[in-house]
């Protein structure tokens, strides 16, 4: 004991009734348990960009499903050359195309075509990308090598260029399904790469090791534990990919290798109006605005969801 230490030194101890240990050490059990998806929802619902993009997307979906609620004018059957490139009139708020068709009606009825292509392409990309990425990342070995090299082959081919070639070959059979397959079959490698990287991270977690120790089959572990905890980045890239699919359909139709001119499509309307840009710019600008707003809505939603599912991004805000 040091020589300068005081033997009679006293220490103050607070009374038990003044420091309730039970309250200090109590564990909060009220309320719902926190998880990634609940935290993400609490974050996105406070952001105005989420509500703006969601409202625009809901409007686009309603227009695509129920075009008759917004216009009673037929998009093709009521065309008169006497109205060629004419301005707005009563019952025709946006004017007429070069063939005398109602621009507003064509935009409304073209929504379903563009949205259908986007949804079909997105579903195809999700099915192929999730299957390939999950198998490659979880099982590894020769399965990973084969699927990764297959993805590299498809990734090296620009899907727009591949779709142009496919649509040129199958021009006689051009429809929504053919153009969706032409785009989606070459656009899945990005989703597969993202999911593979995420599964490589998640499959080494403790809960996966515990499931393996309990004798759960590997395929069941993949479906029940690994995939649900790796799917968040795929949701983000899929949301943005839907916007890219809509743009791809419009691009192919604009180039003349997409949907037939008889099909209502924003890309077809933009393609047919490019020669009248100086004399009647509204025939090109108005479908372009509809396309831009729709694509921007999905991109905004994807950005918000990406930030919400990233805890580090939430912490920086």
Protein backbone atom coordinates (compact mmCIF):
# COMPACT_ATOMS: atom_id res chain seq x y z
CA UNK A 1 0.00 0.00 0.00
CA UNK A 2 1.42 3.48 -0.84
CA UNK A 3 2.69 5.44 2.13
CA UNK A 4 0.53 8.47 1.31
CA UNK A 5 -2.72 6.48 1.24
CA UNK A 6 -5.23 7.29 3.93
CA UNK A 7 -6.57 4.30 5.78
CA UNK A 8 -9.65 6.16 6.99
CA UNK A 9 -10.63 7.46 3.51
CA UNK A 10 -14.39 7.11 2.95
CA UNK A 11 -16.22 6.50 -0.34
CA UNK A 12 -19.68 7.87 -0.99
CA UNK A 13 -22.25 5.38 -2.23
CA UNK A 14 -25.67 6.64 -3.31
CA UNK A 15 -28.67 5.04 -1.69
CA UNK A 16 -30.39 2.32 -3.67
CA UNK A 17 -33.70 4.18 -3.75
CA UNK A 18 -32.02 7.11 -5.54
CA UNK A 19 -30.49 4.94 -8.28
CA UNK A 20 -33.04 2.36 -9.31
CA UNK A 21 -30.87 -0.27 -10.98
CA UNK A 22 -33.89 -2.01 -12.44
CA UNK A 23 -34.80 1.10 -14.41
CA UNK A 24 -31.25 1.76 -15.60
CA UNK A 25 -30.67 -1.78 -16.81
CA UNK A 26 -34.16 -2.32 -18.17
CA UNK A 27 -34.42 -3.53 -21.77
CA UNK A 28 -36.95 -1.78 -23.96
CA UNK A 29 -39.44 -4.38 -25.14
CA UNK A 30 -42.27 -2.13 -26.31
CA UNK A 31 -42.84 -1.40 -30.00
CA UNK A 32 -42.01 -3.37 -33.10
CA UNK A 33 -38.48 -4.76 -33.52
CA UNK A 34 -36.26 -2.82 -35.87
CA UNK A 35 -35.11 -4.32 -39.19
CA UNK A 36 -33.79 -3.17 -42.54
CA UNK A 37 -37.17 -2.92 -44.27
CA UNK A 38 -38.90 -1.13 -41.40
CA UNK A 39 -36.06 1.37 -41.08
CA UNK A 40 -36.17 1.93 -44.85
CA UNK A 41 -39.91 2.61 -44.77
CA UNK A 42 -39.54 5.04 -41.87
CA UNK A 43 -36.90 6.84 -43.90
CA UNK A 44 -38.62 7.04 -47.31
CA UNK A 45 -41.95 8.21 -45.97
CA UNK A 46 -40.27 11.36 -44.67
CA UNK A 47 -38.82 12.26 -48.07
CA UNK A 48 -40.93 14.36 -50.48
CA UNK A 49 -39.18 12.83 -53.50
CA UNK A 50 -40.65 9.45 -52.60
CA UNK A 51 -44.22 10.73 -52.53
CA UNK A 52 -43.78 12.73 -55.73
CA UNK A 53 -42.33 9.79 -57.65
CA UNK A 54 -44.88 7.37 -56.19
CA UNK A 55 -47.77 9.67 -57.15
CA UNK A 56 -46.48 10.00 -60.72
CA UNK A 57 -46.01 6.23 -61.03
CA UNK A 58 -49.52 5.57 -59.73
CA UNK A 59 -50.87 8.06 -62.26
CA UNK A 60 -48.97 6.34 -65.09
CA UNK A 61 -50.27 2.92 -64.02
CA UNK A 62 -53.87 4.16 -63.84
CA UNK A 63 -53.58 5.77 -67.28
CA UNK A 64 -52.12 2.55 -68.71
CA UNK A 65 -54.86 0.36 -67.20
CA UNK A 66 -57.84 2.66 -67.75
CA UNK A 67 -57.19 4.98 -70.72
CA UNK A 68 -60.92 5.43 -71.22
CA UNK A 69 -61.08 7.46 -67.99
CA UNK A 70 -58.91 10.17 -69.54
CA UNK A 71 -60.03 10.36 -73.16
CA UNK A 72 -62.92 9.16 -75.30
CA UNK A 73 -61.26 10.07 -78.60
CA UNK A 74 -59.96 7.06 -80.61
CA UNK A 75 -56.19 7.39 -81.20
CA UNK A 76 -56.32 6.22 -84.85
CA UNK A 77 -59.91 6.03 -86.04
CA UNK A 78 -60.68 9.75 -85.83
CA UNK A 79 -57.75 11.07 -87.89
CA UNK A 80 -58.51 13.74 -90.50
CA UNK A 81 -55.90 15.29 -92.78
CA UNK A 82 -57.74 18.61 -92.55
CA UNK A 83 -56.46 18.81 -88.96
CA UNK A 84 -52.84 18.09 -89.92
CA UNK A 85 -50.46 19.67 -87.36
CA UNK A 86 -53.30 21.88 -86.12
CA UNK A 87 -53.20 23.44 -82.67
CA UNK A 88 -55.44 22.76 -79.68
CA UNK A 89 -59.20 22.90 -80.17
CA UNK A 90 -62.22 22.03 -78.07
CA UNK A 91 -61.98 18.37 -77.08
CA UNK A 92 -58.40 18.15 -78.36
CA UNK A 93 -56.27 19.99 -75.77
CA UNK A 94 -52.85 19.19 -77.27
CA UNK A 95 -53.57 19.55 -80.98
CA UNK A 96 -53.09 17.08 -83.83
CA UNK A 97 -50.33 15.09 -85.50
CA UNK A 98 -49.33 15.34 -89.15
CA UNK A 99 -51.95 12.69 -90.01
CA UNK A 100 -54.60 14.64 -88.11
CA UNK A 101 -54.73 12.30 -85.11
CA UNK A 102 -55.31 13.61 -81.59
CA UNK A 103 -51.96 13.96 -79.78
CA UNK A 104 -53.48 13.72 -76.31
CA UNK A 105 -55.31 10.49 -77.15
CA UNK A 106 -52.18 8.92 -78.65
CA UNK A 107 -50.14 9.80 -75.56
CA UNK A 108 -52.77 8.31 -73.26
CA UNK A 109 -53.10 5.09 -75.25
CA UNK A 110 -49.34 4.81 -75.77
CA UNK A 111 -48.77 4.66 -72.01
CA UNK A 112 -49.92 1.04 -71.76
CA UNK A 113 -47.50 -0.07 -74.49
CA UNK A 114 -44.43 1.56 -72.94
CA UNK A 115 -45.31 0.42 -69.42
CA UNK A 116 -46.05 -3.14 -70.59
CA UNK A 117 -42.65 -3.42 -72.26
CA UNK A 118 -40.98 -2.03 -69.14
CA UNK A 119 -42.70 -4.49 -66.81
CA UNK A 120 -42.08 -7.54 -69.03
CA UNK A 121 -38.42 -6.65 -69.48
CA UNK A 122 -38.02 -6.04 -65.74
CA UNK A 123 -39.62 -9.39 -64.88
CA UNK A 124 -37.37 -11.19 -67.37
CA UNK A 125 -34.25 -9.43 -66.05
CA UNK A 126 -35.21 -10.24 -62.46
CA UNK A 127 -35.83 -13.93 -63.18
CA UNK A 128 -32.61 -14.45 -65.14
CA UNK A 129 -30.45 -12.15 -63.00
CA UNK A 130 -31.59 -13.51 -59.64
CA UNK A 131 -31.29 -17.13 -60.76
CA UNK A 132 -27.83 -16.74 -62.28
CA UNK A 133 -26.46 -14.48 -59.55
CA UNK A 134 -27.79 -16.58 -56.68
CA UNK A 135 -26.48 -19.87 -58.07
CA UNK A 136 -23.07 -18.41 -58.92
CA UNK A 137 -22.55 -16.62 -55.63
CA UNK A 138 -23.84 -19.28 -53.26
CA UNK A 139 -22.52 -22.51 -54.75
CA UNK A 140 -19.24 -21.18 -56.16
CA UNK A 141 -16.76 -23.57 -57.80
CA UNK A 142 -17.35 -24.58 -61.37
CA UNK A 143 -20.95 -23.34 -61.23
CA UNK A 144 -19.70 -19.84 -60.44
CA UNK A 145 -17.07 -20.04 -63.18
CA UNK A 146 -19.51 -21.15 -65.88
CA UNK A 147 -22.29 -18.70 -64.95
CA UNK A 148 -19.88 -15.79 -64.47
CA UNK A 149 -18.26 -16.36 -67.87
CA UNK A 150 -21.72 -16.65 -69.45
CA UNK A 151 -22.66 -13.35 -67.83
CA UNK A 152 -19.44 -11.76 -69.10
CA UNK A 153 -20.32 -12.79 -72.64
CA UNK A 154 -23.77 -11.22 -72.46
CA UNK A 155 -22.42 -8.20 -70.57
CA UNK A 156 -19.93 -7.46 -73.35
CA UNK A 157 -22.76 -7.13 -75.89
CA UNK A 158 -24.66 -3.79 -75.70
CA UNK A 159 -28.28 -4.83 -75.26
CA UNK A 160 -29.55 -2.00 -77.46
CA UNK A 161 -27.35 -3.19 -80.33
CA UNK A 162 -28.39 -6.80 -79.77
CA UNK A 163 -32.05 -5.78 -79.69
CA UNK A 164 -31.65 -3.89 -82.98
CA UNK A 165 -30.26 -7.04 -84.62
CA UNK A 166 -32.97 -9.29 -83.19
CA UNK A 167 -35.80 -6.94 -84.12
CA UNK A 168 -34.39 -6.58 -87.64
CA UNK A 169 -34.41 -10.36 -88.07
CA UNK A 170 -37.88 -10.82 -86.57
CA UNK A 171 -39.43 -7.65 -87.98
CA UNK A 172 -42.42 -9.61 -89.31
CA UNK A 173 -43.26 -10.77 -85.78
CA UNK A 174 -42.67 -7.44 -84.02
CA UNK A 175 -44.94 -7.00 -80.99
CA UNK A 176 -44.68 -6.17 -77.29
CA UNK A 177 -43.48 -9.65 -76.33
CA UNK A 178 -40.82 -9.93 -79.04
CA UNK A 179 -39.31 -6.51 -78.28
CA UNK A 180 -39.39 -7.28 -74.55
CA UNK A 181 -37.51 -10.54 -75.07
CA UNK A 182 -35.02 -8.81 -77.38
CA UNK A 183 -34.20 -6.28 -74.65
CA UNK A 184 -34.43 -8.45 -71.54
CA UNK A 185 -32.44 -11.45 -72.71
CA UNK A 186 -29.30 -9.30 -72.99
CA UNK A 187 -29.85 -6.95 -70.02
CA UNK A 188 -29.73 -9.37 -67.06
CA UNK A 189 -25.94 -9.62 -66.36
CA UNK A 190 -25.83 -6.36 -64.33
CA UNK A 191 -28.46 -7.70 -61.92
CA UNK A 192 -26.68 -11.04 -61.66
CA UNK A 193 -23.36 -9.35 -60.84
CA UNK A 194 -24.86 -7.20 -58.10
CA UNK A 195 -26.67 -10.14 -56.49
CA UNK A 196 -23.62 -12.41 -56.73
CA UNK A 197 -21.46 -9.87 -54.89
CA UNK A 198 -24.09 -9.44 -52.17
CA UNK A 199 -24.53 -13.19 -51.70
CA UNK A 200 -20.77 -13.67 -51.39
CA UNK A 201 -20.93 -11.25 -48.45
CA UNK A 202 -24.05 -12.66 -46.78
CA UNK A 203 -23.28 -16.38 -47.07
CA UNK A 204 -20.41 -16.08 -44.55
CA UNK A 205 -22.68 -14.67 -41.85
CA UNK A 206 -23.20 -16.38 -38.51
CA UNK A 207 -26.86 -17.21 -39.14
CA UNK A 208 -25.87 -19.14 -42.28
CA UNK A 209 -23.29 -21.11 -40.30
CA UNK A 210 -25.91 -21.84 -37.64
CA UNK A 211 -28.38 -23.12 -40.24
CA UNK A 212 -25.66 -25.31 -41.75
CA UNK A 213 -24.80 -26.72 -38.31
CA UNK A 214 -28.46 -27.60 -37.78
CA UNK A 215 -28.41 -29.70 -40.95
CA UNK A 216 -30.53 -27.48 -43.16
CA UNK A 217 -30.00 -28.23 -46.86
CA UNK A 218 -27.96 -25.73 -48.87
CA UNK A 219 -30.79 -24.96 -51.27
CA UNK A 220 -33.13 -24.25 -48.35
CA UNK A 221 -30.51 -22.01 -46.76
CA UNK A 222 -30.23 -20.11 -50.03
CA UNK A 223 -33.98 -19.57 -50.30
CA UNK A 224 -34.81 -18.96 -46.63
CA UNK A 225 -31.78 -17.10 -45.32
CA UNK A 226 -29.27 -15.89 -47.90
CA UNK A 227 -31.50 -14.62 -50.71
CA UNK A 228 -33.91 -12.58 -48.54
CA UNK A 229 -30.94 -10.83 -46.91
CA UNK A 230 -29.29 -10.11 -50.29
CA UNK A 231 -32.24 -8.91 -52.34
CA UNK A 232 -32.21 -5.21 -51.34
CA UNK A 233 -29.70 -4.04 -54.01
CA UNK A 234 -31.58 -6.03 -56.65
CA UNK A 235 -34.79 -4.14 -55.87
CA UNK A 236 -32.99 -0.86 -56.43
CA UNK A 237 -31.35 -1.86 -59.71
CA UNK A 238 -34.62 -3.40 -60.92
CA UNK A 239 -36.53 -0.18 -60.30
CA UNK A 240 -34.01 1.82 -62.29
CA UNK A 241 -33.87 -0.95 -64.92
CA UNK A 242 -37.59 -0.54 -65.58
CA UNK A 243 -36.96 3.04 -66.63
CA UNK A 244 -34.12 1.88 -68.88
CA UNK A 245 -36.42 -0.68 -70.52
CA UNK A 246 -38.99 2.00 -71.35
CA UNK A 247 -36.24 4.13 -72.89
CA UNK A 248 -34.94 1.12 -74.85
CA UNK A 249 -38.38 0.46 -76.35
CA UNK A 250 -38.74 4.08 -77.36
CA UNK A 251 -35.24 4.05 -78.85
CA UNK A 252 -35.92 0.95 -80.96
CA UNK A 253 -39.25 2.33 -82.16
CA UNK A 254 -37.59 5.66 -82.97
CA UNK A 255 -34.97 3.85 -85.05
CA UNK A 256 -37.70 2.04 -86.98
CA UNK A 257 -36.83 -1.46 -85.75
CA UNK A 258 -39.22 -1.57 -82.80
CA UNK A 259 -42.97 -1.85 -82.74
CA UNK A 260 -45.02 -1.42 -85.93
CA UNK A 261 -46.30 2.06 -86.69
CA UNK A 262 -49.86 0.82 -86.13
CA UNK A 263 -49.10 0.21 -82.44
CA UNK A 264 -49.56 3.11 -80.03
CA UNK A 265 -46.09 3.92 -78.73
CA UNK A 266 -44.32 7.06 -77.60
CA UNK A 267 -41.27 6.00 -79.59
CA UNK A 268 -43.34 5.69 -82.78
CA UNK A 269 -44.90 9.12 -82.23
CA UNK A 270 -41.49 10.71 -81.67
CA UNK A 271 -40.10 8.99 -84.76
CA UNK A 272 -42.98 10.13 -86.97
CA UNK A 273 -42.80 13.71 -85.67
CA UNK A 274 -39.06 14.31 -86.09
CA UNK A 275 -39.51 15.70 -89.62
CA UNK A 276 -42.01 18.29 -88.34
CA UNK A 277 -39.88 19.68 -85.52
CA UNK A 278 -39.66 23.17 -87.07
CA UNK A 279 -43.22 23.46 -88.34
CA UNK A 280 -45.10 21.64 -85.56
CA UNK A 281 -42.77 21.04 -82.57
CA UNK A 282 -45.62 20.02 -80.28
CA UNK A 283 -46.00 16.69 -82.10
CA UNK A 284 -42.49 15.71 -80.96
CA UNK A 285 -42.13 17.59 -77.69
CA UNK A 286 -45.35 16.39 -76.01
CA UNK A 287 -44.69 12.61 -76.36
CA UNK A 288 -41.10 13.27 -75.31
CA UNK A 289 -42.32 14.98 -72.14
CA UNK A 290 -44.57 12.01 -71.32
CA UNK A 291 -41.63 9.64 -71.83
CA UNK A 292 -39.26 11.80 -69.76
CA UNK A 293 -41.66 12.21 -66.83
CA UNK A 294 -42.34 8.47 -66.67
CA UNK A 295 -38.66 7.53 -66.82
CA UNK A 296 -37.73 10.23 -64.30
CA UNK A 297 -40.38 8.95 -61.87
CA UNK A 298 -38.90 5.45 -61.78
CA UNK A 299 -35.35 6.79 -61.52
CA UNK A 300 -36.33 9.04 -58.60
CA UNK A 301 -38.02 6.13 -56.85
CA UNK A 302 -34.95 3.96 -57.37
CA UNK A 303 -32.68 6.65 -55.93
CA UNK A 304 -34.86 7.08 -52.85
CA UNK A 305 -35.08 3.33 -52.24
CA UNK A 306 -31.32 2.95 -52.69
CA UNK A 307 -30.60 5.59 -50.06
CA UNK A 308 -33.19 4.14 -47.69
CA UNK A 309 -31.75 0.62 -47.89
CA UNK A 310 -28.22 1.89 -47.23
CA UNK A 311 -27.68 2.50 -43.47
CA UNK A 312 -24.56 4.57 -44.17
CA UNK A 313 -26.48 6.87 -46.52
CA UNK A 314 -29.19 7.28 -43.87
CA UNK A 315 -26.57 8.13 -41.26
CA UNK A 316 -25.01 10.81 -43.47
CA UNK A 317 -28.37 12.58 -43.73
